[in-house]
Each structure stands twice: as structure tokens, then as C-alpha cells.
C-alpha atoms as a PDB file:
ATOM      1  CA  MET A   1      18.337  -9.152 -34.613  1.00  0.00           C
ATOM      2  CA  LYS A   2      20.218  -5.572 -35.694  1.00  0.00           C
ATOM      3  CA  THR A   3      23.911  -6.296 -37.293  1.00  0.00           C
ATOM      4  CA  VAL A   4      26.844  -4.270 -36.305  1.00  0.00           C
ATOM      5  CA  LEU A   5      29.803  -4.614 -38.106  1.00  0.00           C
ATOM      6  CA  MET A   6      33.332  -4.010 -36.700  1.00  0.00           C
ATOM      7  CA  THR A   7      36.431  -3.108 -38.575  1.00  0.00           C
ATOM      8  CA  ALA A   8      39.958  -2.602 -37.808  1.00  0.00           C
ATOM      9  CA  PHE A   9      43.141  -2.326 -39.830  1.00  0.00           C
ATOM     10  CA  GLU A  10      46.548  -5.399 -40.159  1.00  0.00           C
ATOM     11  CA  PRO A  11      49.539  -3.694 -38.303  1.00  0.00           C
ATOM     12  CA  PHE A  12      51.377  -0.704 -40.499  1.00  0.00           C
ATOM     13  CA  GLY A  13      54.693   1.255 -40.468  1.00  0.00           C
ATOM     14  CA  GLY A  14      57.190  -1.173 -38.948  1.00  0.00           C
ATOM     15  CA  GLU A  15      54.416  -2.623 -36.260  1.00  0.00           C
ATOM     16  CA  VAL A  16      53.606  -6.379 -35.158  1.00  0.00           C
ATOM     17  CA  LEU A  17      50.621  -5.238 -33.260  1.00  0.00           C
ATOM     18  CA  ASN A  18      47.953  -3.096 -34.873  1.00  0.00           C
ATOM     19  CA  PRO A  19      46.134  -1.986 -31.378  1.00  0.00           C
ATOM     20  CA  SER A  20      42.523  -1.240 -33.538  1.00  0.00           C
ATOM     21  CA  TRP A  21      42.499  -5.169 -34.724  1.00  0.00           C
ATOM     22  CA  GLU A  22      43.854  -6.575 -30.743  1.00  0.00           C
ATOM     23  CA  ALA A  23      40.534  -4.775 -29.579  1.00  0.00           C
ATOM     24  CA  VAL A  24      38.185  -5.512 -32.009  1.00  0.00           C
ATOM     25  CA  ARG A  25      38.230  -9.293 -32.744  1.00  0.00           C
ATOM     26  CA  HIS A  26      37.726  -9.507 -29.168  1.00  0.00           C
ATOM     27  CA  PHE A  27      33.935  -8.451 -30.407  1.00  0.00           C
ATOM     28  CA  GLU A  28      33.308 -11.465 -33.170  1.00  0.00           C
ATOM     29  CA  GLY A  29      30.291 -13.262 -32.600  1.00  0.00           C
ATOM     30  CA  LYS A  30      29.175 -11.170 -29.677  1.00  0.00           C
ATOM     31  CA  VAL A  31      25.806 -10.227 -28.571  1.00  0.00           C
ATOM     32  CA  ILE A  32      25.330  -6.245 -27.235  1.00  0.00           C
ATOM     33  CA  ASP A  33      22.331  -4.559 -26.687  1.00  0.00           C
ATOM     34  CA  GLY A  34      20.383  -8.181 -29.052  1.00  0.00           C
ATOM     35  CA  ALA A  35      22.967  -6.466 -31.850  1.00  0.00           C
ATOM     36  CA  ARG A  36      25.250  -9.006 -33.210  1.00  0.00           C
ATOM     37  CA  ILE A  37      28.649  -8.182 -33.418  1.00  0.00           C
ATOM     38  CA  GLU A  38      30.441  -9.056 -37.309  1.00  0.00           C
ATOM     39  CA  VAL A  39      34.411  -8.183 -37.547  1.00  0.00           C
ATOM     40  CA  ARG A  40      36.423  -7.765 -40.371  1.00  0.00           C
ATOM     41  CA  GLN A  41      40.241  -7.122 -40.896  1.00  0.00           C
ATOM     42  CA  LEU A  42      41.080  -4.194 -43.704  1.00  0.00           C
ATOM     43  CA  PRO A  43      44.555  -4.226 -44.996  1.00  0.00           C
ATOM     44  CA  VAL A  44      46.653  -1.023 -44.996  1.00  0.00           C
ATOM     45  CA  VAL A  45      46.739  -0.468 -48.413  1.00  0.00           C
ATOM     46  CA  PHE A  46      45.456   2.299 -50.555  1.00  0.00           C
ATOM     47  CA  ALA A  47      43.698  -0.060 -53.374  1.00  0.00           C
ATOM     48  CA  THR A  48      42.122  -2.637 -51.352  1.00  0.00           C
ATOM     49  CA  CYS A  49      40.579  -1.547 -48.688  1.00  0.00           C
ATOM     50  CA  GLY A  50      37.871   0.151 -49.528  1.00  0.00           C
ATOM     51  CA  ASP A  51      36.317  -2.922 -51.713  1.00  0.00           C
ATOM     52  CA  VAL A  52      37.606  -5.399 -48.245  1.00  0.00           C
ATOM     53  CA  LEU A  53      35.202  -2.987 -47.096  1.00  0.00           C
ATOM     54  CA  GLN A  54      32.587  -2.348 -49.414  1.00  0.00           C
ATOM     55  CA  GLU A  55      32.106  -6.507 -49.904  1.00  0.00           C
ATOM     56  CA  ALA A  56      31.025  -6.673 -45.748  1.00  0.00           C
ATOM     57  CA  LEU A  57      28.698  -3.492 -46.129  1.00  0.00           C
ATOM     58  CA  ASP A  58      27.331  -5.045 -49.394  1.00  0.00           C
ATOM     59  CA  THR A  59      26.719  -9.032 -47.480  1.00  0.00           C
ATOM     60  CA  LEU A  60      25.598  -7.969 -44.248  1.00  0.00           C
ATOM     61  CA  GLN A  61      23.855  -4.663 -45.349  1.00  0.00           C
ATOM     62  CA  PRO A  62      24.894  -3.555 -41.329  1.00  0.00           C
ATOM     63  CA  ASP A  63      22.667  -1.422 -39.168  1.00  0.00           C
ATOM     64  CA  LEU A  64      25.867   0.223 -37.767  1.00  0.00           C
ATOM     65  CA  ILE A  65      29.392   0.223 -38.759  1.00  0.00           C
ATOM     66  CA  LEU A  66      31.713   1.172 -36.417  1.00  0.00           C
ATOM     67  CA  SER A  67      35.388   1.234 -38.019  1.00  0.00           C
ATOM     68  CA  VAL A  68      38.680   1.596 -35.396  1.00  0.00           C
ATOM     69  CA  GLY A  69      42.240   2.463 -36.238  1.00  0.00           C
ATOM     70  CA  GLN A  70      45.379   3.466 -34.863  1.00  0.00           C
ATOM     71  CA  ALA A  71      46.286   6.859 -33.834  1.00  0.00           C
ATOM     72  CA  GLY A  72      50.178   6.465 -32.418  1.00  0.00           C
ATOM     73  CA  GLY A  73      51.011   9.219 -30.879  1.00  0.00           C
ATOM     74  CA  ARG A  74      47.420  10.392 -29.404  1.00  0.00           C
ATOM     75  CA  SER A  75      46.644  10.008 -25.761  1.00  0.00           C
ATOM     76  CA  ASP A  76      43.168   8.848 -25.870  1.00  0.00           C
ATOM     77  CA  ILE A  77      40.645   8.083 -27.564  1.00  0.00           C
ATOM     78  CA  THR A  78      38.836  10.083 -30.543  1.00  0.00           C
ATOM     79  CA  LEU A  79      36.004   9.918 -32.427  1.00  0.00           C
ATOM     80  CA  GLU A  80      36.615  11.561 -35.755  1.00  0.00           C
ATOM     81  CA  ARG A  81      34.008  14.470 -36.907  1.00  0.00           C
ATOM     82  CA  VAL A  82      34.657  14.315 -40.506  1.00  0.00           C
ATOM     83  CA  ALA A  83      36.390  12.327 -43.312  1.00  0.00           C
ATOM     84  CA  ILE A  84      37.624  14.349 -46.669  1.00  0.00           C
ATOM     85  CA  ASN A  85      37.725  13.209 -50.241  1.00  0.00           C
ATOM     86  CA  VAL A  86      41.670  12.856 -50.763  1.00  0.00           C
ATOM     87  CA  ASP A  87      44.261  10.399 -50.439  1.00  0.00           C
ATOM     88  CA  ASP A  88      48.140  11.796 -49.407  1.00  0.00           C
ATOM     89  CA  ALA A  89      50.066   9.578 -47.891  1.00  0.00           C
ATOM     90  CA  ARG A  90      52.614  10.465 -45.915  1.00  0.00           C
ATOM     91  CA  ILE A  91      54.552   6.870 -45.702  1.00  0.00           C
ATOM     92  CA  PRO A  92      53.986   4.206 -48.378  1.00  0.00           C
ATOM     93  CA  ASP A  93      51.080   1.822 -47.351  1.00  0.00           C
ATOM     94  CA  ASN A  94      51.825  -2.141 -47.751  1.00  0.00           C
ATOM     95  CA  ALA A  95      51.578  -2.090 -50.882  1.00  0.00           C
ATOM     96  CA  GLN A  96      54.927   0.191 -50.724  1.00  0.00           C
ATOM     97  CA  GLN A  97      52.452   2.309 -52.325  1.00  0.00           C
ATOM     98  CA  GLN A  98      51.885   6.009 -51.539  1.00  0.00           C
ATOM     99  CA  PRO A  99      49.216   8.059 -53.249  1.00  0.00           C
ATOM    100  CA  VAL A 100      49.252  12.291 -53.555  1.00  0.00           C
ATOM    101  CA  ASP A 101      46.790  14.300 -53.655  1.00  0.00           C
ATOM    102  CA  GLN A 102      44.452  11.384 -54.845  1.00  0.00           C
ATOM    103  CA  PRO A 103      40.899  11.767 -55.019  1.00  0.00           C
ATOM    104  CA  ILE A 104      39.147   8.853 -52.725  1.00  0.00           C
ATOM    105  CA  VAL A 105      35.769   8.722 -55.083  1.00  0.00           C
ATOM    106  CA  ALA A 106      36.169  10.534 -58.317  1.00  0.00           C
ATOM    107  CA  ASP A 107      33.673  13.782 -58.237  1.00  0.00           C
ATOM    108  CA  GLY A 108      32.702  12.873 -54.498  1.00  0.00           C
ATOM    109  CA  PRO A 109      31.944  15.205 -52.314  1.00  0.00           C
ATOM    110  CA  ALA A 110      34.506  16.891 -50.194  1.00  0.00           C
ATOM    111  CA  ALA A 111      33.926  15.444 -47.023  1.00  0.00           C
ATOM    112  CA  TYR A 112      30.853  13.317 -45.194  1.00  0.00           C
ATOM    113  CA  PHE A 113      30.523  14.108 -41.676  1.00  0.00           C
ATOM    114  CA  THR A 114      29.626  11.019 -38.627  1.00  0.00           C
ATOM    115  CA  THR A 115      26.486   9.601 -38.511  1.00  0.00           C
ATOM    116  CA  LEU A 116      27.459   8.878 -35.369  1.00  0.00           C
ATOM    117  CA  PRO A 117      26.428  10.299 -31.627  1.00  0.00           C
ATOM    118  CA  ILE A 118      30.850  11.194 -30.797  1.00  0.00           C
ATOM    119  CA  LYS A 119      29.668  13.601 -28.233  1.00  0.00           C
ATOM    120  CA  ALA A 120      26.919  10.889 -26.075  1.00  0.00           C
ATOM    121  CA  ILE A 121      30.436   8.409 -26.803  1.00  0.00           C
ATOM    122  CA  VAL A 122      32.754  10.824 -25.517  1.00  0.00           C
ATOM    123  CA  ALA A 123      30.882  11.555 -22.513  1.00  0.00           C
ATOM    124  CA  ALA A 124      30.090   8.315 -21.612  1.00  0.00           C
ATOM    125  CA  LEU A 125      33.959   7.079 -21.959  1.00  0.00           C
ATOM    126  CA  LYS A 126      34.896   9.643 -19.442  1.00  0.00           C
ATOM    127  CA  GLN A 127      32.438   8.677 -17.189  1.00  0.00           C
ATOM    128  CA  THR A 128      33.680   5.168 -17.402  1.00  0.00           C
ATOM    129  CA  GLY A 129      37.521   7.060 -16.740  1.00  0.00           C
ATOM    130  CA  VAL A 130      38.224   6.476 -20.696  1.00  0.00           C
ATOM    131  CA  PRO A 131      39.771   9.799 -21.793  1.00  0.00           C
ATOM    132  CA  ALA A 132      38.174  10.421 -24.992  1.00  0.00           C
ATOM    133  CA  SER A 133      37.652  13.716 -27.303  1.00  0.00           C
ATOM    134  CA  VAL A 134      36.208  15.001 -30.832  1.00  0.00           C
ATOM    135  CA  SER A 135      39.131  14.890 -33.439  1.00  0.00           C
ATOM    136  CA  GLN A 136      38.928  17.144 -36.816  1.00  0.00           C
ATOM    137  CA  THR A 137      40.833  15.309 -38.205  1.00  0.00           C
ATOM    138  CA  ALA A 138      41.311  11.534 -39.734  1.00  0.00           C
ATOM    139  CA  GLY A 139      44.725  12.129 -41.403  1.00  0.00           C
ATOM    140  CA  THR A 140      44.543  11.812 -45.014  1.00  0.00           C
ATOM    141  CA  PHE A 141      46.231   7.595 -44.615  1.00  0.00           C
ATOM    142  CA  THR A 142      43.990   4.810 -44.964  1.00  0.00           C
ATOM    143  CA  CYS A 143      41.627   5.317 -41.947  1.00  0.00           C
ATOM    144  CA  ASN A 144      39.910   9.329 -43.712  1.00  0.00           C
ATOM    145  CA  HIS A 145      40.067   6.606 -46.682  1.00  0.00           C
ATOM    146  CA  VAL A 146      38.330   3.559 -45.562  1.00  0.00           C
ATOM    147  CA  MET A 147      35.474   6.482 -43.224  1.00  0.00           C
ATOM    148  CA  TYR A 148      35.289   8.244 -46.218  1.00  0.00           C
ATOM    149  CA  ARG A 149      34.089   4.556 -48.677  1.00  0.00           C
ATOM    150  CA  LEU A 150      31.601   3.314 -45.049  1.00  0.00           C
ATOM    151  CA  LEU A 151      30.061   6.996 -45.593  1.00  0.00           C
ATOM    152  CA  HIS A 152      29.980   7.071 -49.331  1.00  0.00           C
ATOM    153  CA  TRP A 153      28.358   3.394 -49.247  1.00  0.00           C
ATOM    154  CA  ILE A 154      25.732   4.765 -46.896  1.00  0.00           C
ATOM    155  CA  LYS A 155      24.667   8.108 -49.141  1.00  0.00           C
ATOM    156  CA  THR A 156      24.767   6.553 -52.315  1.00  0.00           C
ATOM    157  CA  THR A 157      23.110   3.194 -51.370  1.00  0.00           C
ATOM    158  CA  GLN A 158      20.153   4.818 -49.355  1.00  0.00           C
ATOM    159  CA  SER A 159      20.731   2.562 -46.240  1.00  0.00           C
ATOM    160  CA  ARG A 160      19.851   3.786 -42.894  1.00  0.00           C
ATOM    161  CA  ALA A 161      23.017   2.170 -41.151  1.00  0.00           C
ATOM    162  CA  ARG A 162      24.941   5.054 -39.082  1.00  0.00           C
ATOM    163  CA  GLY A 163      28.975   5.030 -38.651  1.00  0.00           C
ATOM    164  CA  GLY A 164      31.574   6.230 -38.458  1.00  0.00           C
ATOM    165  CA  PHE A 165      35.307   5.847 -37.759  1.00  0.00           C
ATOM    166  CA  LEU A 166      37.049   6.044 -33.991  1.00  0.00           C
ATOM    167  CA  HIS A 167      41.406   5.973 -33.361  1.00  0.00           C
ATOM    168  CA  ILE A 168      43.272   4.740 -30.706  1.00  0.00           C
ATOM    169  CA  PRO A 169      46.326   5.218 -29.400  1.00  0.00           C
ATOM    170  CA  TYR A 170      49.152   2.048 -29.153  1.00  0.00           C
ATOM    171  CA  MET A 171      49.255  -0.207 -27.536  1.00  0.00           C
ATOM    172  CA  PRO A 172      51.856  -0.539 -23.525  1.00  0.00           C
ATOM    173  CA  GLU A 173      53.548  -3.536 -26.230  1.00  0.00           C
ATOM    174  CA  GLN A 174      54.375  -0.718 -28.722  1.00  0.00           C
ATOM    175  CA  ALA A 175      54.796   2.805 -26.669  1.00  0.00           C
ATOM    176  CA  ILE A 176      58.326   0.351 -25.476  1.00  0.00           C
ATOM    177  CA  HIS A 177      59.554   1.284 -28.626  1.00  0.00           C
ATOM    178  CA  HIS A 178      58.461   4.900 -28.573  1.00  0.00           C
ATOM    179  CA  ALA A 179      60.252   7.177 -26.161  1.00  0.00           C
ATOM    180  CA  GLY A 180      57.684   9.462 -24.405  1.00  0.00           C
ATOM    181  CA  VAL A 181      54.428   8.089 -26.520  1.00  0.00           C
ATOM    182  CA  PRO A 182      51.719   7.544 -24.918  1.00  0.00           C
ATOM    183  CA  SER A 183      49.374   4.475 -24.303  1.00  0.00           C
ATOM    184  CA  MET A 184      46.422   2.649 -23.931  1.00  0.00           C
ATOM    185  CA  ALA A 185      45.324  -0.803 -22.580  1.00  0.00           C
ATOM    186  CA  SER A 186      43.754  -3.778 -24.781  1.00  0.00           C
ATOM    187  CA  ALA A 187      41.418  -4.588 -21.870  1.00  0.00           C
ATOM    188  CA  THR A 188      40.816  -0.731 -21.980  1.00  0.00           C
ATOM    189  CA  VAL A 189      40.504  -0.127 -25.373  1.00  0.00           C
ATOM    190  CA  ILE A 190      38.085  -2.959 -25.475  1.00  0.00           C
ATOM    191  CA  GLN A 191      35.851  -1.573 -22.772  1.00  0.00           C
ATOM    192  CA  ALA A 192      35.485   1.121 -24.096  1.00  0.00           C
ATOM    193  CA  LEU A 193      34.532  -0.675 -28.037  1.00  0.00           C
ATOM    194  CA  GLU A 194      31.789  -2.189 -25.636  1.00  0.00           C
ATOM    195  CA  THR A 195      30.779   1.146 -24.758  1.00  0.00           C
ATOM    196  CA  THR A 196      30.353   2.883 -27.623  1.00  0.00           C
ATOM    197  CA  VAL A 197      28.382   0.237 -29.610  1.00  0.00           C
ATOM    198  CA  ARG A 198      26.161   0.687 -26.417  1.00  0.00           C
ATOM    199  CA  VAL A 199      25.264   4.401 -27.031  1.00  0.00           C
ATOM    200  CA  ILE A 200      24.800   4.195 -30.631  1.00  0.00           C
ATOM    201  CA  LEU A 201      22.351   1.728 -30.397  1.00  0.00           C
ATOM    202  CA  ARG A 202      20.994   3.534 -27.397  1.00  0.00           C
ATOM    203  CA  THR A 203      21.104   6.767 -28.615  1.00  0.00           C
ATOM    204  CA  ASP A 204      19.382   8.600 -31.708  1.00  0.00           C
ATOM    205  CA  GLU A 205      20.682  12.223 -31.545  1.00  0.00           C
ATOM    206  CA  ASP A 206      23.930  13.634 -30.142  1.00  0.00           C
ATOM    207  CA  ILE A 207      24.064  15.913 -27.513  1.00  0.00           C
ATOM    208  CA  ARG A 208      25.143  19.835 -27.918  1.00  0.00           C
ATOM    209  CA  THR A 209      28.135  20.134 -25.963  1.00  0.00           C
ATOM    210  CA  PRO A 210      31.363  21.641 -26.885  1.00  0.00           C
ATOM    211  CA  GLY A 211      33.982  19.287 -28.404  1.00  0.00           C
ATOM    212  CA  GLY A 212      35.179  21.681 -30.985  1.00  0.00           C
ATOM    213  CA  ALA A 213      39.253  22.741 -31.489  1.00  0.00           C
ATOM    214  CA  THR A 214      40.955  26.184 -31.550  1.00  0.00           C
ATOM    215  CA  HIS A 215      43.939  24.784 -33.828  1.00  0.00           C
END
């Protein structure tokens, strides 16, 4: 049986919830298309999030890694195309550390591209009525850090696993404290994550369709 590792983050930035964890924790122990789901919560701490992730990767040796994070202000589910080798924190992490212009992996490549069929996922989500798009930046906070570390693990261990990252909007319970900011119900996110896992398990090659940006 294949193993799927899904990760999400603890709350940060003054929030009492993190929509990524509220959705991902729903999948613990589930089986989707014959694949067993394992979930892990990651700290929003630069110094430890990658190590917690790597311990799970080394222990589980998953066939698929889907990491999920909060992107307050975004209105749809965004599949991240690329992770870059830099930590540059606009705000302190949960350990009150704020690295600036620091490489994630010394002497690592400048960037890694996702190995997930992100355009096929976007198309499938839209067909189910869930707003989705390709994102060209995972930021430079812990989400990007985790995406880079998971792709670096795949590369350096020569794993046949596929992995990547997606961002989700605030939950409505959060958005009420941020005037004018979009949100997405947790039930919709859960549905979207299940669709995402199914698409990845069933898709060997991504589709060719526009997903770029002009700025």
C-alpha cells in the first residue's frame, strides 16, 4: 500500500487557528485510492520545521508528500510551482526568530520545482467548483522553507516520491477579524485536498495548459 504524507502548520501570526491543520488533520488514518494517509503538524519555526518534516520523511518513506499552508489574503487554493533557497521573514516565527536573506540549504540549488501535476490539480478542482490556480511564489516564510526541504529530500535521497505544496485561504472564523479578506470553509478545503490526492495518484504527467502570470 502506498503512503501519503500530508503536513500542515500550527497557528502563527496571532491567529488561534491554522486552516491548513484544521483540514489536514481530518485525513489521519484514511485510505484514498488504496493509499494510506499519514499526517503531521509542523511548527512555524524556521529552526525546527524542516527537521520535523525530515524525520517524518525518513521514517515513513512516503510515495507522495503534500504540504499545506495558510495564505491569508488569497481567495483560492493555490498550487505552488517553485520553492527558492532563501529564508527572508517579514514577521518573526513562533520562536520569535526572523531570519533575513539566509539560505535554507547551504550550497543548495537556487530553487526546486514541484513534482506534482499542479495544472491537472487546478483543472480538477475547478471542475468540482473549487476556486484554484497556479502560484509562482510560495513566499519566503516557513511554507517556502518546508517546500524547499521536502523537494531537497526527494532529490538528495534519490527518492521516487513526488511532492509539493499548496496554500489555502483563511477560514471564515479567521476572516471575520480581517475586514475585506476572503475565506474558504474548511469543508470545501477538505473536499479539495481529497480531490488533489486522487489526481496525484492517478496522474503520471501533468497537462499542458496556461497557468502563468504577467506579474
